[in-house]
N, C-alpha and C. Protein backbone atom coordinates (compact mmCIF):
# COMPACT_ATOMS: atom_id res chain seq x y z
N VAL A 1 51.78 104.21 155.87
CA VAL A 1 51.76 102.82 156.30
C VAL A 1 52.38 102.73 157.69
N CYS A 2 51.74 101.97 158.58
CA CYS A 2 52.30 101.77 159.92
C CYS A 2 52.15 100.31 160.32
N ALA A 3 52.92 99.92 161.29
CA ALA A 3 52.93 98.53 161.76
C ALA A 3 51.80 98.30 162.75
N GLY A 4 51.21 97.13 162.71
CA GLY A 4 50.19 96.75 163.67
C GLY A 4 50.81 96.06 164.87
N THR A 5 49.97 95.49 165.71
CA THR A 5 50.43 94.83 166.93
C THR A 5 49.91 93.40 166.99
N LEU A 6 50.45 92.64 167.90
CA LEU A 6 50.03 91.26 168.12
C LEU A 6 50.02 90.98 169.62
N ASN A 7 49.32 91.85 170.36
CA ASN A 7 49.29 91.75 171.83
C ASN A 7 48.04 91.09 172.36
N GLY A 8 46.98 91.02 171.57
CA GLY A 8 45.72 90.48 172.07
C GLY A 8 45.20 91.34 173.19
N LEU A 9 44.79 90.72 174.27
CA LEU A 9 44.26 91.46 175.42
C LEU A 9 45.34 91.86 176.42
N SER A 10 46.59 91.54 176.12
CA SER A 10 47.70 91.93 177.01
C SER A 10 47.95 93.42 176.88
N VAL A 11 48.13 94.07 178.01
CA VAL A 11 48.43 95.50 178.01
C VAL A 11 49.65 95.77 178.88
N THR A 12 50.39 96.81 178.51
CA THR A 12 51.51 97.23 179.34
C THR A 12 51.22 98.62 179.87
N GLY A 13 51.33 98.77 181.17
CA GLY A 13 51.07 100.07 181.78
C GLY A 13 49.59 100.33 181.96
N ASP A 14 49.27 101.56 182.32
CA ASP A 14 47.89 101.96 182.58
C ASP A 14 47.21 102.44 181.31
N ALA A 15 45.97 102.91 181.45
CA ALA A 15 45.19 103.36 180.30
C ALA A 15 45.85 104.55 179.60
N GLN A 16 46.50 105.43 180.34
CA GLN A 16 47.17 106.58 179.74
C GLN A 16 48.33 106.11 178.85
N HIS A 17 49.09 105.16 179.33
CA HIS A 17 50.20 104.61 178.56
C HIS A 17 49.68 103.91 177.29
N GLN A 18 48.58 103.18 177.42
CA GLN A 18 47.96 102.51 176.27
C GLN A 18 47.58 103.54 175.20
N TYR A 19 46.98 104.64 175.65
CA TYR A 19 46.56 105.68 174.71
C TYR A 19 47.76 106.31 174.02
N GLN A 20 48.80 106.63 174.78
CA GLN A 20 49.99 107.26 174.19
C GLN A 20 50.62 106.34 173.15
N THR A 21 50.68 105.07 173.43
CA THR A 21 51.23 104.09 172.49
C THR A 21 50.38 104.04 171.23
N LEU A 22 49.06 103.98 171.40
CA LEU A 22 48.14 103.94 170.27
C LEU A 22 48.30 105.19 169.40
N HIS A 23 48.37 106.34 170.03
CA HIS A 23 48.51 107.61 169.29
C HIS A 23 49.81 107.65 168.52
N LYS A 24 50.89 107.24 169.16
CA LYS A 24 52.20 107.26 168.52
C LYS A 24 52.23 106.33 167.30
N MET A 25 51.58 105.17 167.41
CA MET A 25 51.61 104.18 166.34
C MET A 25 50.73 104.56 165.14
N TYR A 26 49.55 105.15 165.40
CA TYR A 26 48.56 105.30 164.35
C TYR A 26 48.24 106.73 163.92
N ASN A 27 48.91 107.71 164.50
CA ASN A 27 48.67 109.09 164.08
C ASN A 27 49.14 109.26 162.63
N ASN A 28 48.27 109.76 161.76
CA ASN A 28 48.53 109.95 160.32
C ASN A 28 48.74 108.64 159.56
N CYS A 29 48.23 107.55 160.08
CA CYS A 29 48.37 106.25 159.42
C CYS A 29 47.16 105.98 158.53
N GLU A 30 47.40 105.48 157.33
CA GLU A 30 46.30 105.13 156.42
C GLU A 30 46.15 103.62 156.27
N ILE A 31 47.27 102.90 156.28
CA ILE A 31 47.23 101.45 156.14
C ILE A 31 47.98 100.82 157.31
N VAL A 32 47.27 99.97 158.06
CA VAL A 32 47.89 99.25 159.17
C VAL A 32 48.34 97.89 158.64
N MET A 33 49.66 97.69 158.60
CA MET A 33 50.22 96.42 158.16
C MET A 33 50.27 95.50 159.39
N GLY A 34 49.24 94.70 159.53
CA GLY A 34 49.12 93.86 160.71
C GLY A 34 47.77 94.12 161.36
N ASN A 35 47.74 94.03 162.69
CA ASN A 35 46.49 94.11 163.42
C ASN A 35 46.32 95.46 164.10
N LEU A 36 45.09 95.91 164.16
CA LEU A 36 44.73 97.12 164.89
C LEU A 36 44.07 96.67 166.18
N GLU A 37 44.78 96.82 167.29
CA GLU A 37 44.27 96.38 168.59
C GLU A 37 44.05 97.60 169.47
N ILE A 38 42.79 97.85 169.81
CA ILE A 38 42.43 98.99 170.65
C ILE A 38 41.87 98.42 171.95
N VAL A 39 42.70 98.44 172.98
CA VAL A 39 42.37 97.78 174.24
C VAL A 39 42.63 98.74 175.41
N LEU A 40 41.69 98.79 176.34
CA LEU A 40 41.82 99.53 177.59
C LEU A 40 42.03 101.04 177.38
N ILE A 41 41.19 101.64 176.53
CA ILE A 41 41.27 103.08 176.31
C ILE A 41 40.12 103.75 177.08
N ASP A 42 40.43 104.82 177.77
CA ASP A 42 39.50 105.53 178.63
C ASP A 42 38.55 106.43 177.85
N HIS A 43 37.46 106.82 178.46
CA HIS A 43 36.46 107.67 177.81
C HIS A 43 36.92 109.12 177.61
N THR A 44 37.98 109.52 178.27
CA THR A 44 38.45 110.91 178.15
C THR A 44 39.40 111.13 176.98
N GLN A 45 39.81 110.06 176.32
CA GLN A 45 40.83 110.18 175.27
C GLN A 45 40.24 110.58 173.91
N ASP A 46 40.98 111.37 173.17
CA ASP A 46 40.59 111.80 171.83
C ASP A 46 41.16 110.81 170.81
N LEU A 47 40.28 110.08 170.16
CA LEU A 47 40.70 109.06 169.20
C LEU A 47 40.56 109.52 167.76
N SER A 48 40.37 110.80 167.53
CA SER A 48 40.13 111.30 166.18
C SER A 48 41.28 110.99 165.22
N PHE A 49 42.48 110.75 165.73
CA PHE A 49 43.62 110.41 164.87
C PHE A 49 43.41 109.10 164.13
N LEU A 50 42.48 108.26 164.59
CA LEU A 50 42.21 106.97 163.93
C LEU A 50 41.42 107.14 162.62
N GLN A 51 40.84 108.31 162.40
CA GLN A 51 40.00 108.48 161.22
C GLN A 51 40.77 108.45 159.90
N THR A 52 42.08 108.51 159.94
CA THR A 52 42.87 108.43 158.70
C THR A 52 43.04 106.99 158.21
N ILE A 53 42.76 106.01 159.06
CA ILE A 53 42.97 104.60 158.70
C ILE A 53 41.93 104.16 157.66
N ARG A 54 42.43 103.64 156.51
CA ARG A 54 41.57 103.17 155.43
C ARG A 54 41.58 101.65 155.29
N GLU A 55 42.65 101.02 155.76
CA GLU A 55 42.80 99.58 155.55
C GLU A 55 43.59 98.96 156.69
N VAL A 56 43.19 97.74 157.08
CA VAL A 56 43.92 96.95 158.07
C VAL A 56 44.18 95.60 157.42
N THR A 57 45.45 95.18 157.37
CA THR A 57 45.75 93.92 156.68
C THR A 57 45.43 92.70 157.56
N GLY A 58 45.53 92.83 158.87
CA GLY A 58 45.25 91.72 159.78
C GLY A 58 43.84 91.78 160.31
N TYR A 59 43.71 91.75 161.64
CA TYR A 59 42.40 91.82 162.29
C TYR A 59 42.27 93.12 163.08
N ILE A 60 41.04 93.40 163.50
CA ILE A 60 40.77 94.53 164.39
C ILE A 60 40.20 93.96 165.68
N LEU A 61 40.82 94.33 166.79
CA LEU A 61 40.37 93.94 168.13
C LEU A 61 40.00 95.21 168.89
N ILE A 62 38.77 95.28 169.35
CA ILE A 62 38.30 96.42 170.15
C ILE A 62 37.75 95.83 171.43
N ALA A 63 38.49 95.96 172.54
CA ALA A 63 38.09 95.28 173.77
C ALA A 63 38.41 96.08 175.02
N MET A 64 37.52 95.99 175.99
CA MET A 64 37.70 96.56 177.33
C MET A 64 37.93 98.08 177.30
N ASN A 65 37.24 98.77 176.41
CA ASN A 65 37.34 100.22 176.30
C ASN A 65 36.06 100.86 176.85
N VAL A 66 36.13 102.15 177.17
CA VAL A 66 34.93 102.85 177.63
C VAL A 66 34.70 104.17 176.91
N PHE A 67 35.30 104.35 175.72
CA PHE A 67 35.00 105.54 174.93
C PHE A 67 33.66 105.31 174.22
N ALA A 68 32.98 106.41 173.86
CA ALA A 68 31.63 106.32 173.30
C ALA A 68 31.60 105.97 171.82
N SER A 69 32.57 106.47 171.06
CA SER A 69 32.53 106.29 169.61
C SER A 69 33.92 105.97 169.08
N LEU A 70 33.96 105.09 168.11
CA LEU A 70 35.22 104.71 167.47
C LEU A 70 35.31 105.39 166.11
N PRO A 71 36.22 106.34 165.94
CA PRO A 71 36.26 107.11 164.68
C PRO A 71 37.03 106.41 163.55
N LEU A 72 36.51 105.28 163.12
CA LEU A 72 37.10 104.56 161.99
C LEU A 72 36.21 104.72 160.76
N GLN A 73 35.66 105.93 160.57
CA GLN A 73 34.70 106.16 159.49
C GLN A 73 35.29 106.05 158.10
N ASN A 74 36.62 106.05 157.96
CA ASN A 74 37.23 105.91 156.63
C ASN A 74 37.78 104.51 156.36
N LEU A 75 37.62 103.61 157.31
CA LEU A 75 38.08 102.23 157.12
C LEU A 75 37.20 101.56 156.07
N ARG A 76 37.84 101.05 155.02
CA ARG A 76 37.10 100.40 153.93
C ARG A 76 37.28 98.89 153.90
N VAL A 77 38.49 98.41 154.25
CA VAL A 77 38.82 96.99 154.09
C VAL A 77 39.54 96.45 155.32
N ILE A 78 39.11 95.27 155.75
CA ILE A 78 39.88 94.47 156.70
C ILE A 78 40.29 93.22 155.90
N ARG A 79 41.58 93.06 155.66
CA ARG A 79 42.04 91.96 154.81
C ARG A 79 42.01 90.60 155.51
N GLY A 80 42.20 90.58 156.82
CA GLY A 80 42.14 89.30 157.53
C GLY A 80 43.29 88.36 157.23
N THR A 81 44.50 88.90 157.04
CA THR A 81 45.66 88.02 156.82
C THR A 81 46.04 87.32 158.12
N GLN A 82 45.58 87.84 159.26
CA GLN A 82 45.72 87.19 160.56
C GLN A 82 44.35 87.25 161.22
N PHE A 83 44.07 86.28 162.09
CA PHE A 83 42.78 86.24 162.78
C PHE A 83 42.97 86.36 164.28
N TYR A 84 41.94 86.89 164.93
CA TYR A 84 41.89 86.86 166.38
C TYR A 84 41.11 85.61 166.76
N GLU A 85 41.62 84.85 167.72
CA GLU A 85 41.02 83.56 168.13
C GLU A 85 40.79 82.64 166.92
N GLU A 86 41.73 82.65 166.01
CA GLU A 86 41.82 81.72 164.89
C GLU A 86 40.78 81.89 163.79
N LYS A 87 39.78 82.79 163.97
CA LYS A 87 38.83 82.93 162.86
C LYS A 87 38.17 84.30 162.71
N TYR A 88 38.51 85.27 163.54
CA TYR A 88 37.81 86.56 163.47
C TYR A 88 38.70 87.68 162.94
N ALA A 89 38.15 88.44 161.99
CA ALA A 89 38.84 89.61 161.45
C ALA A 89 38.39 90.88 162.19
N LEU A 90 37.19 90.84 162.77
CA LEU A 90 36.67 91.95 163.58
C LEU A 90 36.14 91.36 164.87
N PHE A 91 36.74 91.76 166.00
CA PHE A 91 36.38 91.21 167.30
C PHE A 91 36.14 92.37 168.26
N VAL A 92 34.91 92.52 168.73
CA VAL A 92 34.52 93.64 169.58
C VAL A 92 33.89 93.06 170.85
N LEU A 93 34.54 93.28 172.01
CA LEU A 93 34.12 92.60 173.24
C LEU A 93 34.30 93.49 174.47
N LEU A 94 33.32 93.47 175.36
CA LEU A 94 33.40 94.08 176.69
C LEU A 94 33.79 95.56 176.68
N ASN A 95 33.09 96.35 175.88
CA ASN A 95 33.40 97.78 175.80
C ASN A 95 32.40 98.60 176.60
N TYR A 96 32.44 98.40 177.91
CA TYR A 96 31.61 99.18 178.83
C TYR A 96 32.14 98.99 180.24
N ASN A 97 31.78 99.92 181.10
CA ASN A 97 32.12 99.81 182.51
C ASN A 97 30.81 99.64 183.27
N PRO A 98 30.61 98.49 183.92
CA PRO A 98 29.34 98.25 184.61
C PRO A 98 29.09 99.21 185.78
N ASN A 99 30.13 99.89 186.25
CA ASN A 99 29.98 100.80 187.39
C ASN A 99 29.71 102.24 186.99
N THR A 100 29.75 102.55 185.69
CA THR A 100 29.51 103.91 185.22
C THR A 100 28.65 103.86 183.96
N THR A 101 28.38 105.03 183.40
CA THR A 101 27.61 105.08 182.16
C THR A 101 28.52 105.08 180.93
N HIS A 102 29.83 105.03 181.14
CA HIS A 102 30.78 105.07 180.02
C HIS A 102 30.80 103.73 179.29
N ALA A 103 30.60 103.81 177.96
CA ALA A 103 30.56 102.60 177.15
C ALA A 103 30.65 102.96 175.67
N LEU A 104 31.06 101.97 174.88
CA LEU A 104 31.06 102.12 173.43
C LEU A 104 29.62 102.10 172.95
N ARG A 105 29.22 103.16 172.26
CA ARG A 105 27.86 103.27 171.75
C ARG A 105 27.79 103.17 170.22
N GLN A 106 28.89 103.51 169.56
CA GLN A 106 28.88 103.59 168.10
C GLN A 106 30.22 103.11 167.53
N LEU A 107 30.16 102.14 166.62
CA LEU A 107 31.38 101.65 165.97
C LEU A 107 31.86 102.60 164.88
N GLY A 108 30.96 103.22 164.16
CA GLY A 108 31.34 104.19 163.15
C GLY A 108 32.10 103.62 161.96
N LEU A 109 31.76 102.41 161.56
CA LEU A 109 32.42 101.78 160.42
C LEU A 109 31.61 102.00 159.15
N ASN A 110 31.21 103.25 158.89
CA ASN A 110 30.30 103.58 157.79
C ASN A 110 30.84 103.19 156.41
N GLN A 111 32.15 103.21 156.22
CA GLN A 111 32.75 102.93 154.91
C GLN A 111 33.22 101.48 154.76
N LEU A 112 33.10 100.68 155.80
CA LEU A 112 33.59 99.30 155.72
C LEU A 112 32.74 98.51 154.73
N THR A 113 33.38 98.09 153.64
CA THR A 113 32.65 97.36 152.61
C THR A 113 33.14 95.93 152.45
N GLU A 114 34.33 95.61 152.94
CA GLU A 114 34.86 94.26 152.74
C GLU A 114 35.68 93.75 153.91
N ILE A 115 35.37 92.53 154.31
CA ILE A 115 36.25 91.75 155.19
C ILE A 115 36.64 90.56 154.32
N LEU A 116 37.88 90.59 153.81
CA LEU A 116 38.30 89.62 152.80
C LEU A 116 38.45 88.20 153.34
N ALA A 117 38.83 88.08 154.60
CA ALA A 117 38.94 86.76 155.22
C ALA A 117 38.62 86.91 156.70
N GLY A 118 38.00 85.89 157.27
CA GLY A 118 37.69 85.93 158.69
C GLY A 118 36.28 86.41 158.97
N GLY A 119 35.86 86.16 160.20
CA GLY A 119 34.50 86.47 160.61
C GLY A 119 34.40 87.70 161.50
N VAL A 120 33.19 87.89 162.02
CA VAL A 120 32.86 89.02 162.88
C VAL A 120 32.33 88.48 164.20
N TYR A 121 32.84 89.02 165.30
CA TYR A 121 32.37 88.64 166.64
C TYR A 121 32.15 89.92 167.43
N ILE A 122 30.90 90.19 167.81
CA ILE A 122 30.57 91.38 168.58
C ILE A 122 29.68 90.95 169.74
N GLU A 123 30.21 91.02 170.97
CA GLU A 123 29.45 90.54 172.12
C GLU A 123 29.81 91.31 173.38
N LYS A 124 28.84 91.36 174.30
CA LYS A 124 29.01 91.98 175.62
C LYS A 124 29.44 93.44 175.53
N ASN A 125 28.71 94.19 174.70
CA ASN A 125 28.90 95.63 174.57
C ASN A 125 27.56 96.25 174.94
N ALA A 126 27.35 96.44 176.23
CA ALA A 126 26.04 96.74 176.79
C ALA A 126 25.29 97.89 176.12
N GLN A 127 26.00 98.91 175.62
CA GLN A 127 25.31 100.07 175.08
C GLN A 127 25.57 100.30 173.58
N LEU A 128 26.15 99.33 172.92
CA LEU A 128 26.48 99.47 171.50
C LEU A 128 25.21 99.41 170.65
N CYS A 129 25.03 100.41 169.80
CA CYS A 129 23.82 100.53 168.97
C CYS A 129 24.07 100.11 167.53
N HIS A 130 23.02 99.64 166.88
CA HIS A 130 22.91 99.41 165.44
C HIS A 130 23.75 98.26 164.87
N VAL A 131 24.49 97.51 165.68
CA VAL A 131 25.30 96.44 165.08
C VAL A 131 24.45 95.32 164.49
N GLU A 132 23.26 95.13 165.03
CA GLU A 132 22.39 94.08 164.50
C GLU A 132 21.69 94.50 163.21
N THR A 133 21.77 95.77 162.86
CA THR A 133 21.15 96.24 161.61
C THR A 133 22.12 96.17 160.43
N VAL A 134 23.39 95.87 160.70
CA VAL A 134 24.39 95.76 159.63
C VAL A 134 24.29 94.39 158.98
N GLU A 135 24.32 94.35 157.66
CA GLU A 135 24.33 93.08 156.93
C GLU A 135 25.76 92.56 156.85
N TRP A 136 26.24 91.96 157.94
CA TRP A 136 27.62 91.50 158.03
C TRP A 136 27.97 90.50 156.94
N ARG A 137 27.00 89.67 156.54
CA ARG A 137 27.25 88.67 155.48
C ARG A 137 27.59 89.32 154.15
N ASP A 138 27.08 90.52 153.90
CA ASP A 138 27.40 91.25 152.67
C ASP A 138 28.83 91.78 152.68
N ILE A 139 29.35 92.01 153.88
CA ILE A 139 30.69 92.57 154.04
C ILE A 139 31.74 91.45 154.09
N MET A 140 31.38 90.34 154.72
CA MET A 140 32.30 89.21 154.86
C MET A 140 32.36 88.42 153.56
N ARG A 141 33.55 88.16 153.08
CA ARG A 141 33.70 87.44 151.81
C ARG A 141 33.45 85.93 151.96
N ASP A 142 33.78 85.36 153.12
CA ASP A 142 33.65 83.90 153.32
C ASP A 142 32.20 83.55 153.69
N PRO A 143 31.45 82.93 152.76
CA PRO A 143 30.04 82.63 153.03
C PRO A 143 29.82 81.52 154.05
N ARG A 144 30.87 80.79 154.39
CA ARG A 144 30.74 79.69 155.36
C ARG A 144 30.70 80.18 156.79
N LEU A 145 31.14 81.43 157.00
CA LEU A 145 31.20 81.96 158.36
C LEU A 145 29.91 82.67 158.75
N GLU A 146 29.48 82.45 159.97
CA GLU A 146 28.32 83.15 160.53
C GLU A 146 28.80 84.25 161.44
N PRO A 147 28.35 85.49 161.22
CA PRO A 147 28.74 86.55 162.16
C PRO A 147 28.09 86.31 163.52
N VAL A 148 28.84 86.54 164.58
CA VAL A 148 28.33 86.42 165.94
C VAL A 148 28.09 87.83 166.46
N VAL A 149 26.80 88.21 166.53
CA VAL A 149 26.46 89.55 166.99
C VAL A 149 25.40 89.44 168.07
């Protein structure tokens, strides 16, 4: 079990510092108590340490990154005890660099079966594949929410 963050899009230091902080917090972590915020990570960084995460109690924010793939293949549940922008449990935004070919191409959430509270917002990810083929309504427990993809 490890603690999550509540920084939103605020970052301290450069991309290298962001990565070191992320690695220190989530290496060998299975349950994130709070939010998983992955912001401003470069394409050269190895994120394989994230594959141990099975559950996030808050929200997941993936924004302003340029890595190709997010290795969260063992994540099963986002509990949504906290929301990003007051209603989202999964928020994925601006994961590409318009000046290069580096961009998020694959979310890799193959095991995600439940978002217990909150919605899904995925926008402005120029090279992200297959998100429109996911049945987000089957994963989201709240039938009143419309996924924004």
